[in-house]
PDB file of N, CA and C in Angstrom:
ATOM      1  N   MET A   1       2.009 140.103  86.910  1.00  0.00           N
ATOM      2  CA  MET A   1       0.627 139.613  86.932  1.00  0.00           C
ATOM      3  C   MET A   1       0.264 139.080  85.540  1.00  0.00           C
ATOM      4  N   ALA A   2      -0.401 137.941  85.499  1.00  0.00           N
ATOM      5  CA  ALA A   2      -0.783 137.323  84.230  1.00  0.00           C
ATOM      6  C   ALA A   2      -1.918 138.095  83.572  1.00  0.00           C
ATOM      7  N   ARG A   3      -1.938 138.042  82.255  1.00  0.00           N
ATOM      8  CA  ARG A   3      -3.028 138.688  81.523  1.00  0.00           C
ATOM      9  C   ARG A   3      -4.315 137.907  81.735  1.00  0.00           C
ATOM     10  N   LYS A   4      -5.432 138.618  81.828  1.00  0.00           N
ATOM     11  CA  LYS A   4      -6.716 137.972  82.134  1.00  0.00           C
ATOM     12  C   LYS A   4      -7.203 137.056  81.019  1.00  0.00           C
ATOM     13  N   ASN A   5      -6.845 137.375  79.762  1.00  0.00           N
ATOM     14  CA  ASN A   5      -7.394 136.586  78.651  1.00  0.00           C
ATOM     15  C   ASN A   5      -6.565 135.337  78.339  1.00  0.00           C
ATOM     16  N   GLN A   6      -5.503 135.089  79.087  1.00  0.00           N
ATOM     17  CA  GLN A   6      -4.715 133.882  78.856  1.00  0.00           C
ATOM     18  C   GLN A   6      -5.340 132.715  79.601  1.00  0.00           C
ATOM     19  N   LYS A   7      -5.365 131.556  78.936  1.00  0.00           N
ATOM     20  CA  LYS A   7      -5.924 130.360  79.552  1.00  0.00           C
ATOM     21  C   LYS A   7      -4.832 129.621  80.320  1.00  0.00           C
ATOM     22  N   ALA A   8      -5.260 128.919  81.344  1.00  0.00           N
ATOM     23  CA  ALA A   8      -4.331 128.066  82.068  1.00  0.00           C
ATOM     24  C   ALA A   8      -3.975 126.882  81.171  1.00  0.00           C
ATOM     25  N   PRO A   9      -2.783 126.314  81.335  1.00  0.00           N
ATOM     26  CA  PRO A   9      -2.346 125.219  80.446  1.00  0.00           C
ATOM     27  C   PRO A   9      -3.274 124.012  80.437  1.00  0.00           C
ATOM     28  N   TRP A  10      -3.992 123.774  81.537  1.00  0.00           N
ATOM     29  CA  TRP A  10      -4.857 122.595  81.606  1.00  0.00           C
ATOM     30  C   TRP A  10      -6.247 122.840  81.012  1.00  0.00           C
ATOM     31  N   GLU A  11      -6.564 124.084  80.650  1.00  0.00           N
ATOM     32  CA  GLU A  11      -7.876 124.365  80.067  1.00  0.00           C
ATOM     33  C   GLU A  11      -7.886 123.993  78.586  1.00  0.00           C
ATOM     34  N   PRO A  12      -8.945 123.337  78.125  1.00  0.00           N
ATOM     35  CA  PRO A  12      -9.004 122.947  76.706  1.00  0.00           C
ATOM     36  C   PRO A  12      -9.170 124.166  75.814  1.00  0.00           C
ATOM     37  N   GLU A  13      -8.657 124.062  74.603  1.00  0.00           N
ATOM     38  CA  GLU A  13      -8.823 125.138  73.621  1.00  0.00           C
ATOM     39  C   GLU A  13     -10.284 125.170  73.172  1.00  0.00           C
ATOM     40  N   GLU A  14     -10.830 126.360  73.022  1.00  0.00           N
ATOM     41  CA  GLU A  14     -12.198 126.476  72.538  1.00  0.00           C
ATOM     42  C   GLU A  14     -12.194 126.394  71.021  1.00  0.00           C
ATOM     43  N   GLU A  15     -13.170 125.690  70.487  1.00  0.00           N
ATOM     44  CA  GLU A  15     -13.298 125.576  69.039  1.00  0.00           C
ATOM     45  C   GLU A  15     -13.913 126.859  68.502  1.00  0.00           C
ATOM     46  N   ILE A  16     -13.311 127.406  67.461  1.00  0.00           N
ATOM     47  CA  ILE A  16     -13.846 128.618  66.844  1.00  0.00           C
ATOM     48  C   ILE A  16     -14.810 128.201  65.743  1.00  0.00           C
ATOM     49  N   ILE A  17     -16.037 128.676  65.836  1.00  0.00           N
ATOM     50  CA  ILE A  17     -17.054 128.355  64.837  1.00  0.00           C
ATOM     51  C   ILE A  17     -17.364 129.633  64.079  1.00  0.00           C
ATOM     52  N   TRP A  18     -17.057 129.639  62.789  1.00  0.00           N
ATOM     53  CA  TRP A  18     -17.298 130.824  61.970  1.00  0.00           C
ATOM     54  C   TRP A  18     -18.746 130.829  61.509  1.00  0.00           C
ATOM     55  N   VAL A  19     -19.414 131.976  61.630  1.00  0.00           N
ATOM     56  CA  VAL A  19     -20.819 132.106  61.268  1.00  0.00           C
ATOM     57  C   VAL A  19     -20.950 133.265  60.283  1.00  0.00           C
ATOM     58  N   SER A  20     -21.756 133.065  59.251  1.00  0.00           N
ATOM     59  CA  SER A  20     -21.932 134.119  58.255  1.00  0.00           C
ATOM     60  C   SER A  20     -22.785 135.251  58.818  1.00  0.00           C
ATOM     61  N   LYS A  21     -22.648 136.428  58.225  1.00  0.00           N
ATOM     62  CA  LYS A  21     -23.447 137.576  58.658  1.00  0.00           C
ATOM     63  C   LYS A  21     -24.933 137.301  58.455  1.00  0.00           C
ATOM     64  N   THR A  22     -25.268 136.582  57.396  1.00  0.00           N
ATOM     65  CA  THR A  22     -26.666 136.254  57.131  1.00  0.00           C
ATOM     66  C   THR A  22     -27.237 135.389  58.244  1.00  0.00           C
ATOM     67  N   GLU A  23     -26.455 134.401  58.678  1.00  0.00           N
ATOM     68  CA  GLU A  23     -26.911 133.521  59.756  1.00  0.00           C
ATOM     69  C   GLU A  23     -27.053 134.297  61.066  1.00  0.00           C
ATOM     70  N   LEU A  24     -26.103 135.200  61.327  1.00  0.00           N
ATOM     71  CA  LEU A  24     -26.197 136.028  62.529  1.00  0.00           C
ATOM     72  C   LEU A  24     -27.463 136.877  62.499  1.00  0.00           C
ATOM     73  N   LYS A  25     -27.780 137.445  61.331  1.00  0.00           N
ATOM     74  CA  LYS A  25     -28.969 138.294  61.193  1.00  0.00           C
ATOM     75  C   LYS A  25     -30.240 137.470  61.408  1.00  0.00           C
ATOM     76  N   GLN A  26     -30.274 136.260  60.851  1.00  0.00           N
ATOM     77  CA  GLN A  26     -31.443 135.401  61.026  1.00  0.00           C
ATOM     78  C   GLN A  26     -31.630 135.050  62.500  1.00  0.00           C
ATOM     79  N   ASP A  27     -30.537 134.712  63.171  1.00  0.00           N
ATOM     80  CA  ASP A  27     -30.613 134.393  64.606  1.00  0.00           C
ATOM     81  C   ASP A  27     -31.096 135.601  65.395  1.00  0.00           C
ATOM     82  N   MET A  28     -30.582 136.792  65.062  1.00  0.00           N
ATOM     83  CA  MET A  28     -30.970 138.008  65.757  1.00  0.00           C
ATOM     84  C   MET A  28     -32.467 138.278  65.581  1.00  0.00           C
ATOM     85  N   GLU A  29     -32.956 138.093  64.361  1.00  0.00           N
ATOM     86  CA  GLU A  29     -34.382 138.329  64.104  1.00  0.00           C
ATOM     87  C   GLU A  29     -35.248 137.328  64.859  1.00  0.00           C
ATOM     88  N   GLU A  30     -34.815 136.072  64.921  1.00  0.00           N
ATOM     89  CA  GLU A  30     -35.565 135.059  65.661  1.00  0.00           C
ATOM     90  C   GLU A  30     -35.588 135.377  67.154  1.00  0.00           C
ATOM     91  N   LEU A  31     -34.443 135.816  67.690  1.00  0.00           N
ATOM     92  CA  LEU A  31     -34.390 136.180  69.106  1.00  0.00           C
ATOM     93  C   LEU A  31     -35.255 137.404  69.389  1.00  0.00           C
ATOM     94  N   GLN A  32     -35.272 138.368  68.467  1.00  0.00           N
ATOM     95  CA  GLN A  32     -36.113 139.553  68.629  1.00  0.00           C
ATOM     96  C   GLN A  32     -37.584 139.156  68.684  1.00  0.00           C
ATOM     97  N   LYS A  33     -37.994 138.270  67.768  1.00  0.00           N
ATOM     98  CA  LYS A  33     -39.381 137.812  67.734  1.00  0.00           C
ATOM     99  C   LYS A  33     -39.733 137.060  69.018  1.00  0.00           C
ATOM    100  N   LEU A  34     -38.829 136.208  69.482  1.00  0.00           N
ATOM    101  CA  LEU A  34     -39.048 135.462  70.722  1.00  0.00           C
ATOM    102  C   LEU A  34     -39.198 136.425  71.901  1.00  0.00           C
ATOM    103  N   GLY A  35     -38.337 137.444  71.950  1.00  0.00           N
ATOM    104  CA  GLY A  35     -38.425 138.438  73.011  1.00  0.00           C
ATOM    105  C   GLY A  35     -39.753 139.158  73.009  1.00  0.00           C
ATOM    106  N   GLU A  36     -40.234 139.521  71.818  1.00  0.00           N
ATOM    107  CA  GLU A  36     -41.531 140.198  71.707  1.00  0.00           C
ATOM    108  C   GLU A  36     -42.662 139.288  72.185  1.00  0.00           C
ATOM    109  N   GLU A  37     -42.561 137.993  71.861  1.00  0.00           N
ATOM    110  CA  GLU A  37     -43.581 137.043  72.310  1.00  0.00           C
ATOM    111  C   GLU A  37     -43.556 136.899  73.834  1.00  0.00           C
ATOM    112  N   LEU A  38     -42.361 136.887  74.410  1.00  0.00           N
ATOM    113  CA  LEU A  38     -42.253 136.788  75.868  1.00  0.00           C
ATOM    114  C   LEU A  38     -42.848 138.008  76.553  1.00  0.00           C
ATOM    115  N   VAL A  39     -42.593 139.187  76.009  1.00  0.00           N
ATOM    116  CA  VAL A  39     -43.169 140.405  76.583  1.00  0.00           C
ATOM    117  C   VAL A  39     -44.691 140.371  76.488  1.00  0.00           C
ATOM    118  N   ALA A  40     -45.210 139.868  75.368  1.00  0.00           N
ATOM    119  CA  ALA A  40     -46.657 139.781  75.186  1.00  0.00           C
ATOM    120  C   ALA A  40     -47.277 138.813  76.199  1.00  0.00           C
ATOM    121  N   LEU A  41     -46.561 137.742  76.529  1.00  0.00           N
ATOM    122  CA  LEU A  41     -47.066 136.794  77.535  1.00  0.00           C
ATOM    123  C   LEU A  41     -47.058 137.411  78.917  1.00  0.00           C
ATOM    124  N   LYS A  42     -46.042 138.194  79.211  1.00  0.00           N
ATOM    125  CA  LYS A  42     -45.909 138.800  80.526  1.00  0.00           C
ATOM    126  C   LYS A  42     -46.914 139.937  80.724  1.00  0.00           C
ATOM    127  N   HIS A  43     -47.183 140.698  79.670  1.00  0.00           N
ATOM    128  CA  HIS A  43     -48.079 141.858  79.729  1.00  0.00           C
ATOM    129  C   HIS A  43     -49.201 141.703  78.702  1.00  0.00           C
ATOM    130  N   PRO A  44     -50.187 140.847  78.968  1.00  0.00           N
ATOM    131  CA  PRO A  44     -51.254 140.615  77.962  1.00  0.00           C
ATOM    132  C   PRO A  44     -52.296 141.731  77.957  1.00  0.00           C
ATOM    133  N   TYR A  45     -51.963 142.844  77.331  1.00  0.00           N
ATOM    134  CA  TYR A  45     -52.928 143.931  77.179  1.00  0.00           C
ATOM    135  C   TYR A  45     -52.758 144.618  75.859  1.00  0.00           C
TER     136      TYR A  45
END
C-alpha cells in the first residue's frame, strides 16, 4: 500500500513559502481580532 503523504507523479510540486515567526504572530493576532469582531457581530450584547 502506498504511503498517504506521497503525491501522484502528475500532481504539481507545492511551492514552500518560508514565513518568519514575527509574521506568523502578526497574522495570528489579526485573525484573533477578526474572530472577536465576528463574535461581537453575532452576539451584540
